[in-house]
C-alpha atoms as a PDB file:
ATOM      1  CA  MET A   1      47.407  19.997 -55.501  1.00  0.00           C
ATOM      2  CA  LYS A   2      44.479  17.934 -53.812  1.00  0.00           C
ATOM      3  CA  THR A   3      41.271  19.786 -53.019  1.00  0.00           C
ATOM      4  CA  THR A   4      38.427  18.559 -50.726  1.00  0.00           C
ATOM      5  CA  LYS A   5      35.189  17.588 -52.701  1.00  0.00           C
ATOM      6  CA  PRO A   6      32.496  19.608 -51.390  1.00  0.00           C
ATOM      7  CA  MET A   7      29.389  17.562 -49.818  1.00  0.00           C
ATOM      8  CA  THR A   8      26.791  17.081 -52.268  1.00  0.00           C
ATOM      9  CA  PRO A   9      23.155  17.215 -51.698  1.00  0.00           C
ATOM     10  CA  LYS A  10      22.678  13.387 -52.087  1.00  0.00           C
ATOM     11  CA  THR A  11      25.146  12.769 -49.393  1.00  0.00           C
ATOM     12  CA  ALA A  12      23.982  14.988 -47.038  1.00  0.00           C
ATOM     13  CA  VAL A  13      20.405  13.424 -47.541  1.00  0.00           C
ATOM     14  CA  ILE A  14      21.722   9.890 -46.893  1.00  0.00           C
ATOM     15  CA  THR A  15      23.407  10.966 -43.600  1.00  0.00           C
ATOM     16  CA  LEU A  16      20.238  12.847 -42.466  1.00  0.00           C
ATOM     17  CA  SER A  17      18.158   9.522 -43.512  1.00  0.00           C
ATOM     18  CA  ARG A  18      20.466   7.571 -41.334  1.00  0.00           C
ATOM     19  CA  PHE A  19      20.043   9.920 -38.428  1.00  0.00           C
ATOM     20  CA  LEU A  20      16.286   9.760 -38.781  1.00  0.00           C
ATOM     21  CA  LEU A  21      16.224   5.981 -38.778  1.00  0.00           C
ATOM     22  CA  ILE A  22      18.507   5.688 -35.643  1.00  0.00           C
ATOM     23  CA  LEU A  23      16.281   8.214 -33.825  1.00  0.00           C
ATOM     24  CA  SER A  24      13.140   6.108 -34.587  1.00  0.00           C
ATOM     25  CA  MET A  25      14.756   2.866 -33.626  1.00  0.00           C
ATOM     26  CA  LEU A  26      15.685   4.380 -30.323  1.00  0.00           C
ATOM     27  CA  LEU A  27      12.341   5.945 -29.702  1.00  0.00           C
ATOM     28  CA  PHE A  28      10.709   2.558 -30.532  1.00  0.00           C
ATOM     29  CA  CYS A  29      13.114   1.062 -27.864  1.00  0.00           C
ATOM     30  CA  PHE A  30      12.289   3.372 -25.189  1.00  0.00           C
ATOM     31  CA  SER A  31       8.552   3.195 -25.906  1.00  0.00           C
ATOM     32  CA  CYS A  32       8.733  -0.657 -25.545  1.00  0.00           C
ATOM     33  CA  LYS A  33      10.576  -0.327 -22.231  1.00  0.00           C
ATOM     34  CA  LYS A  34       7.581   1.833 -20.863  1.00  0.00           C
ATOM     35  CA  ASP A  35       5.166  -0.445 -22.185  1.00  0.00           C
ATOM     36  CA  ASP A  36       6.840  -3.327 -20.245  1.00  0.00           C
ATOM     37  CA  GLU A  37       6.903  -1.372 -16.725  1.00  0.00           C
ATOM     38  CA  VAL A  38       4.059  -2.660 -14.795  1.00  0.00           C
ATOM     39  CA  VAL A  39       2.671   0.068 -12.343  1.00  0.00           C
ATOM     40  CA  ILE A  40       0.610  -1.270  -9.150  1.00  0.00           C
ATOM     41  CA  SER A  41      -1.541   1.074  -8.287  1.00  0.00           C
ATOM     42  CA  ASN A  42      -2.704  -0.714  -4.922  1.00  0.00           C
ATOM     43  CA  ARG A  43       0.189  -1.788  -2.917  1.00  0.00           C
ATOM     44  CA  VAL A  44       1.917  -1.761   0.278  1.00  0.00           C
ATOM     45  CA  ILE A  45       5.943  -1.420   0.342  1.00  0.00           C
ATOM     46  CA  ILE A  46       7.259  -3.237   3.342  1.00  0.00           C
ATOM     47  CA  ASP A  47      11.066  -3.259   3.894  1.00  0.00           C
ATOM     48  CA  GLY A  48      11.527  -2.553   0.055  1.00  0.00           C
ATOM     49  CA  THR A  49       9.322  -5.321  -1.119  1.00  0.00           C
ATOM     50  CA  THR A  50       6.099  -4.813  -3.142  1.00  0.00           C
ATOM     51  CA  TYR A  51       2.811  -6.406  -2.410  1.00  0.00           C
ATOM     52  CA  GLU A  52      -0.319  -5.884  -4.374  1.00  0.00           C
ATOM     53  CA  LEU A  53      -3.503  -5.355  -2.487  1.00  0.00           C
ATOM     54  CA  VAL A  54      -6.115  -7.055  -4.499  1.00  0.00           C
ATOM     55  CA  SER A  55      -8.795  -6.638  -1.899  1.00  0.00           C
ATOM     56  CA  GLY A  56     -10.009  -4.175   1.040  1.00  0.00           C
ATOM     57  CA  PHE A  57     -12.375  -4.771   3.473  1.00  0.00           C
ATOM     58  CA  PHE A  58     -13.726  -3.003   6.830  1.00  0.00           C
ATOM     59  CA  ASP A  59     -15.333  -4.103   9.747  1.00  0.00           C
ATOM     60  CA  ASN A  60     -19.160  -3.450   9.535  1.00  0.00           C
ATOM     61  CA  ASN A  61     -19.895  -4.094  13.410  1.00  0.00           C
ATOM     62  CA  PRO A  62     -16.846  -2.000  15.292  1.00  0.00           C
ATOM     63  CA  ASP A  63     -16.496  -2.768  18.922  1.00  0.00           C
ATOM     64  CA  MET A  64     -17.361   0.283  21.136  1.00  0.00           C
ATOM     65  CA  MET A  65     -14.750   1.300  23.515  1.00  0.00           C
ATOM     66  CA  ASN A  66     -13.821   4.363  25.868  1.00  0.00           C
ATOM     67  CA  SER A  67     -10.957   6.585  25.152  1.00  0.00           C
ATOM     68  CA  ALA A  68      -7.953   7.180  27.846  1.00  0.00           C
ATOM     69  CA  ASP A  69      -9.442  10.418  28.185  1.00  0.00           C
ATOM     70  CA  THR A  70     -10.477  12.413  31.373  1.00  0.00           C
ATOM     71  CA  PRO A  71     -13.742  11.818  31.447  1.00  0.00           C
ATOM     72  CA  PRO A  72     -13.255   9.048  29.047  1.00  0.00           C
ATOM     73  CA  GLN A  73     -15.018   9.672  25.548  1.00  0.00           C
ATOM     74  CA  GLN A  74     -16.925   6.854  23.804  1.00  0.00           C
ATOM     75  CA  GLY A  75     -15.867   5.751  20.295  1.00  0.00           C
ATOM     76  CA  PHE A  76     -15.257   2.735  17.887  1.00  0.00           C
ATOM     77  CA  ALA A  77     -12.273   0.913  17.253  1.00  0.00           C
ATOM     78  CA  GLN A  78     -12.442   0.415  13.630  1.00  0.00           C
ATOM     79  CA  GLU A  79     -10.672  -2.187  11.514  1.00  0.00           C
ATOM     80  CA  ILE A  80      -9.529  -2.091   7.924  1.00  0.00           C
ATOM     81  CA  LEU A  81      -8.118  -5.163   6.323  1.00  0.00           C
ATOM     82  CA  PHE A  82      -6.219  -5.099   2.992  1.00  0.00           C
ATOM     83  CA  ILE A  83      -5.101  -8.733   1.260  1.00  0.00           C
ATOM     84  CA  SER A  84      -2.611  -9.559  -1.438  1.00  0.00           C
ATOM     85  CA  THR A  85      -3.077 -11.935  -4.131  1.00  0.00           C
ATOM     86  CA  GLY A  86      -2.957 -15.550  -3.217  1.00  0.00           C
ATOM     87  CA  LEU A  87      -5.719 -14.687  -0.333  1.00  0.00           C
ATOM     88  CA  THR A  88      -9.495 -14.337  -0.330  1.00  0.00           C
ATOM     89  CA  MET A  89     -12.176 -13.287   1.714  1.00  0.00           C
ATOM     90  CA  ASN A  90     -15.428 -15.158   2.472  1.00  0.00           C
ATOM     91  CA  THR A  91     -17.545 -12.250   3.268  1.00  0.00           C
ATOM     92  CA  SER A  92     -20.280 -14.118   4.560  1.00  0.00           C
ATOM     93  CA  THR A  93     -18.246 -15.484   7.394  1.00  0.00           C
ATOM     94  CA  GLY A  94     -15.330 -12.780   7.403  1.00  0.00           C
ATOM     95  CA  ILE A  95     -12.382 -15.598   7.101  1.00  0.00           C
ATOM     96  CA  VAL A  96      -9.614 -15.474   5.048  1.00  0.00           C
ATOM     97  CA  SER A  97      -8.223 -18.688   3.048  1.00  0.00           C
ATOM     98  CA  GLY A  98      -5.002 -19.375   0.954  1.00  0.00           C
ATOM     99  CA  ASN A  99      -1.591 -17.994   1.055  1.00  0.00           C
ATOM    100  CA  GLY A 100      -0.662 -14.416   0.581  1.00  0.00           C
ATOM    101  CA  SER A 101       0.429 -11.227   2.735  1.00  0.00           C
ATOM    102  CA  ALA A 102      -2.152  -8.857   4.702  1.00  0.00           C
ATOM    103  CA  ILE A 103      -1.728  -5.654   6.748  1.00  0.00           C
ATOM    104  CA  VAL A 104      -4.384  -4.361   8.882  1.00  0.00           C
ATOM    105  CA  PHE A 105      -5.217  -0.537  10.517  1.00  0.00           C
ATOM    106  CA  ASN A 106      -7.332   0.202  13.607  1.00  0.00           C
ATOM    107  CA  PRO A 107      -8.321   3.665  13.695  1.00  0.00           C
ATOM    108  CA  PHE A 108     -10.236   5.011  16.757  1.00  0.00           C
ATOM    109  CA  THR A 109     -13.239   7.276  15.600  1.00  0.00           C
ATOM    110  CA  ALA A 110     -16.023   8.878  17.174  1.00  0.00           C
ATOM    111  CA  ALA A 111     -18.733   7.782  14.696  1.00  0.00           C
ATOM    112  CA  GLN A 112     -19.662   3.877  14.106  1.00  0.00           C
ATOM    113  CA  THR A 113     -19.199   4.115  10.487  1.00  0.00           C
ATOM    114  CA  LEU A 114     -15.625   4.790   9.010  1.00  0.00           C
ATOM    115  CA  SER A 115     -14.826   8.358   8.348  1.00  0.00           C
ATOM    116  CA  THR A 116     -12.234  10.621   6.542  1.00  0.00           C
ATOM    117  CA  GLY A 117      -9.228  11.999   8.469  1.00  0.00           C
ATOM    118  CA  SER A 118      -5.704  11.340   9.361  1.00  0.00           C
ATOM    119  CA  PHE A 119      -5.120   9.039  12.250  1.00  0.00           C
ATOM    120  CA  LEU A 120      -1.612   9.078  13.807  1.00  0.00           C
ATOM    121  CA  PHE A 121       0.312   6.903  16.208  1.00  0.00           C
ATOM    122  CA  PRO A 122       0.102   8.757  19.405  1.00  0.00           C
ATOM    123  CA  GLU A 123       3.738   9.320  20.971  1.00  0.00           C
ATOM    124  CA  PRO A 124       3.229   8.717  23.729  1.00  0.00           C
ATOM    125  CA  TYR A 125       1.028   5.882  22.663  1.00  0.00           C
ATOM    126  CA  SER A 126      -2.577   6.382  24.150  1.00  0.00           C
ATOM    127  CA  GLU A 127      -6.136   5.293  23.339  1.00  0.00           C
ATOM    128  CA  LYS A 128      -7.581   8.520  21.946  1.00  0.00           C
ATOM    129  CA  ILE A 129     -10.124   9.025  19.326  1.00  0.00           C
ATOM    130  CA  GLY A 130      -8.861  10.450  16.310  1.00  0.00           C
ATOM    131  CA  PHE A 131      -5.646   8.241  16.522  1.00  0.00           C
ATOM    132  CA  LEU A 132      -4.451   4.680  15.307  1.00  0.00           C
ATOM    133  CA  LEU A 133      -5.006   2.089  18.070  1.00  0.00           C
ATOM    134  CA  ASP A 134      -2.896  -0.291  16.341  1.00  0.00           C
ATOM    135  CA  ALA A 135      -1.531  -1.578  12.877  1.00  0.00           C
ATOM    136  CA  TYR A 136       0.313  -4.716  11.862  1.00  0.00           C
ATOM    137  CA  ALA A 137       0.965  -6.634   8.740  1.00  0.00           C
ATOM    138  CA  CYS A 138       1.797 -10.390   8.224  1.00  0.00           C
ATOM    139  CA  LYS A 139       3.801 -11.576   5.345  1.00  0.00           C
ATOM    140  CA  ASN A 140       3.513 -14.871   3.710  1.00  0.00           C
ATOM    141  CA  TYR A 141       0.242 -15.571   5.745  1.00  0.00           C
ATOM    142  CA  ASN A 142      -1.102 -19.188   5.639  1.00  0.00           C
ATOM    143  CA  ALA A 143      -4.826 -19.415   6.721  1.00  0.00           C
ATOM    144  CA  ALA A 144      -4.375 -23.264   7.121  1.00  0.00           C
ATOM    145  CA  THR A 145      -2.080 -22.909  10.223  1.00  0.00           C
ATOM    146  CA  ASP A 146      -3.037 -19.216  11.157  1.00  0.00           C
ATOM    147  CA  GLU A 147       0.918 -18.410  10.767  1.00  0.00           C
ATOM    148  CA  CYS A 148       3.101 -15.787   9.038  1.00  0.00           C
ATOM    149  CA  GLU A 149       6.660 -16.017   8.152  1.00  0.00           C
ATOM    150  CA  ILE A 150       6.885 -12.482   9.291  1.00  0.00           C
ATOM    151  CA  GLU A 151       5.082 -10.307  11.767  1.00  0.00           C
ATOM    152  CA  TYR A 152       4.950  -6.621  11.614  1.00  0.00           C
ATOM    153  CA  ASP A 153       3.696  -4.145  14.273  1.00  0.00           C
ATOM    154  CA  GLY A 154       3.004  -0.809  13.944  1.00  0.00           C
ATOM    155  CA  GLU A 155       5.346   1.839  15.218  1.00  0.00           C
ATOM    156  CA  SER A 156       4.802   5.098  14.117  1.00  0.00           C
ATOM    157  CA  GLY A 157       3.133   6.751  11.141  1.00  0.00           C
ATOM    158  CA  THR A 158      -0.093   8.362   9.865  1.00  0.00           C
ATOM    159  CA  LEU A 159      -3.160   6.834   8.220  1.00  0.00           C
ATOM    160  CA  THR A 160      -5.023   9.173   5.597  1.00  0.00           C
ATOM    161  CA  ILE A 161      -8.749   7.654   4.935  1.00  0.00           C
ATOM    162  CA  GLY A 162     -10.532  10.162   1.922  1.00  0.00           C
ATOM    163  CA  ILE A 163     -13.947   9.001   0.860  1.00  0.00           C
ATOM    164  CA  SER A 164     -15.966   9.701  -2.276  1.00  0.00           C
ATOM    165  CA  GLY A 165     -18.974   8.005  -3.015  1.00  0.00           C
ATOM    166  CA  SER A 166     -18.072   4.479  -2.635  1.00  0.00           C
ATOM    167  CA  THR A 167     -14.513   4.707  -3.344  1.00  0.00           C
ATOM    168  CA  TYR A 168     -11.859   4.715  -0.696  1.00  0.00           C
ATOM    169  CA  THR A 169      -8.280   6.382  -0.873  1.00  0.00           C
ATOM    170  CA  ILE A 170      -6.249   5.082   1.779  1.00  0.00           C
ATOM    171  CA  LYS A 171      -2.794   5.889   2.303  1.00  0.00           C
ATOM    172  CA  PHE A 172      -0.233   5.138   4.897  1.00  0.00           C
ATOM    173  CA  VAL A 173       3.568   6.115   5.395  1.00  0.00           C
ATOM    174  CA  GLY A 174       5.227   4.998   8.462  1.00  0.00           C
ATOM    175  CA  LYS A 175       7.409   2.467   9.978  1.00  0.00           C
ATOM    176  CA  MET A 176       6.765  -1.066  11.678  1.00  0.00           C
ATOM    177  CA  VAL A 177       8.771  -3.465  13.654  1.00  0.00           C
ATOM    178  CA  TYR A 178       9.389  -7.212  13.560  1.00  0.00           C
ATOM    179  CA  GLU A 179      11.588  -9.986  15.824  1.00  0.00           C
ATOM    180  CA  ASP A 180      14.376 -11.443  13.879  1.00  0.00           C
ATOM    181  CA  ALA A 181      15.690 -14.695  14.660  1.00  0.00           C
ATOM    182  CA  SER A 182      18.089 -13.538  17.312  1.00  0.00           C
ATOM    183  CA  SER A 183      14.905 -11.378  19.186  1.00  0.00           C
ATOM    184  CA  ASN A 184      16.303  -8.148  18.016  1.00  0.00           C
ATOM    185  CA  GLU A 185      13.304  -5.542  17.307  1.00  0.00           C
ATOM    186  CA  ILE A 186      14.150  -4.538  13.537  1.00  0.00           C
ATOM    187  CA  SER A 187      12.417  -1.382  12.417  1.00  0.00           C
ATOM    188  CA  VAL A 188      11.512  -1.102   8.671  1.00  0.00           C
ATOM    189  CA  ASP A 189       9.589   1.449   6.549  1.00  0.00           C
ATOM    190  CA  VAL A 190       6.091   0.904   5.035  1.00  0.00           C
ATOM    191  CA  ASP A 191       4.369   2.917   2.579  1.00  0.00           C
ATOM    192  CA  LEU A 192       0.618   1.721   1.560  1.00  0.00           C
ATOM    193  CA  SER A 193      -1.601   3.306  -1.244  1.00  0.00           C
ATOM    194  CA  PHE A 194      -5.261   2.039  -2.020  1.00  0.00           C
ATOM    195  CA  GLU A 195      -7.763   3.346  -4.261  1.00  0.00           C
ATOM    196  CA  GLY A 196     -11.206   1.460  -4.824  1.00  0.00           C
ATOM    197  CA  THR A 197     -14.146   0.058  -2.759  1.00  0.00           C
ATOM    198  CA  LEU A 198     -13.913  -1.508   0.636  1.00  0.00           C
ATOM    199  CA  THR A 199     -16.279  -4.208   1.392  1.00  0.00           C
ATOM    200  CA  GLY A 200     -17.953  -4.278   4.891  1.00  0.00           C
ATOM    201  CA  VAL A 201     -17.400  -7.630   6.710  1.00  0.00           C
ATOM    202  CA  ASP A 202     -17.874  -8.892  10.217  1.00  0.00           C
ATOM    203  CA  LEU A 203     -14.202  -9.072  10.813  1.00  0.00           C
END
């Protein structure tokens, strides 16, 4: 009658060593995968496509305008511009050159300087202080021809502005629309996140 030979300590050590080796290899591969992932902190996602935002600007001389209230209130039509890789701004002239994508927001503020707060697209639309006057984006903008591959117009959503010293934290979640080749209006999701400095330019 044959008997089962008990596992010796040496056999157990070999099995444990192999297990540890496999575990260390798995951890190494996971670490490499995490290192390879590139996280873009300043970006806008339009219709599922991510665009890196390399620079942000605000209009240092915003237009004064009256609100639609009765009686009208005096405010300022601010302009905030973000540009992607491929575009550069001449801060002396306020002229953009190159090829890339851009997005613009126009919050309506009581003060002449850009201020903190949340600015919604009013429904129904009305030009009132504390709301967004407009927002639009341009995919693959060619500065030489002043043309976009796709132009998006703001439809709904909220722009949030936070200011701490010279650091601006700006977020937008909402929808924009564009017109396809058949003149149909297509609504898409837009998600923007930016934290950094904004340069004052005469836009």
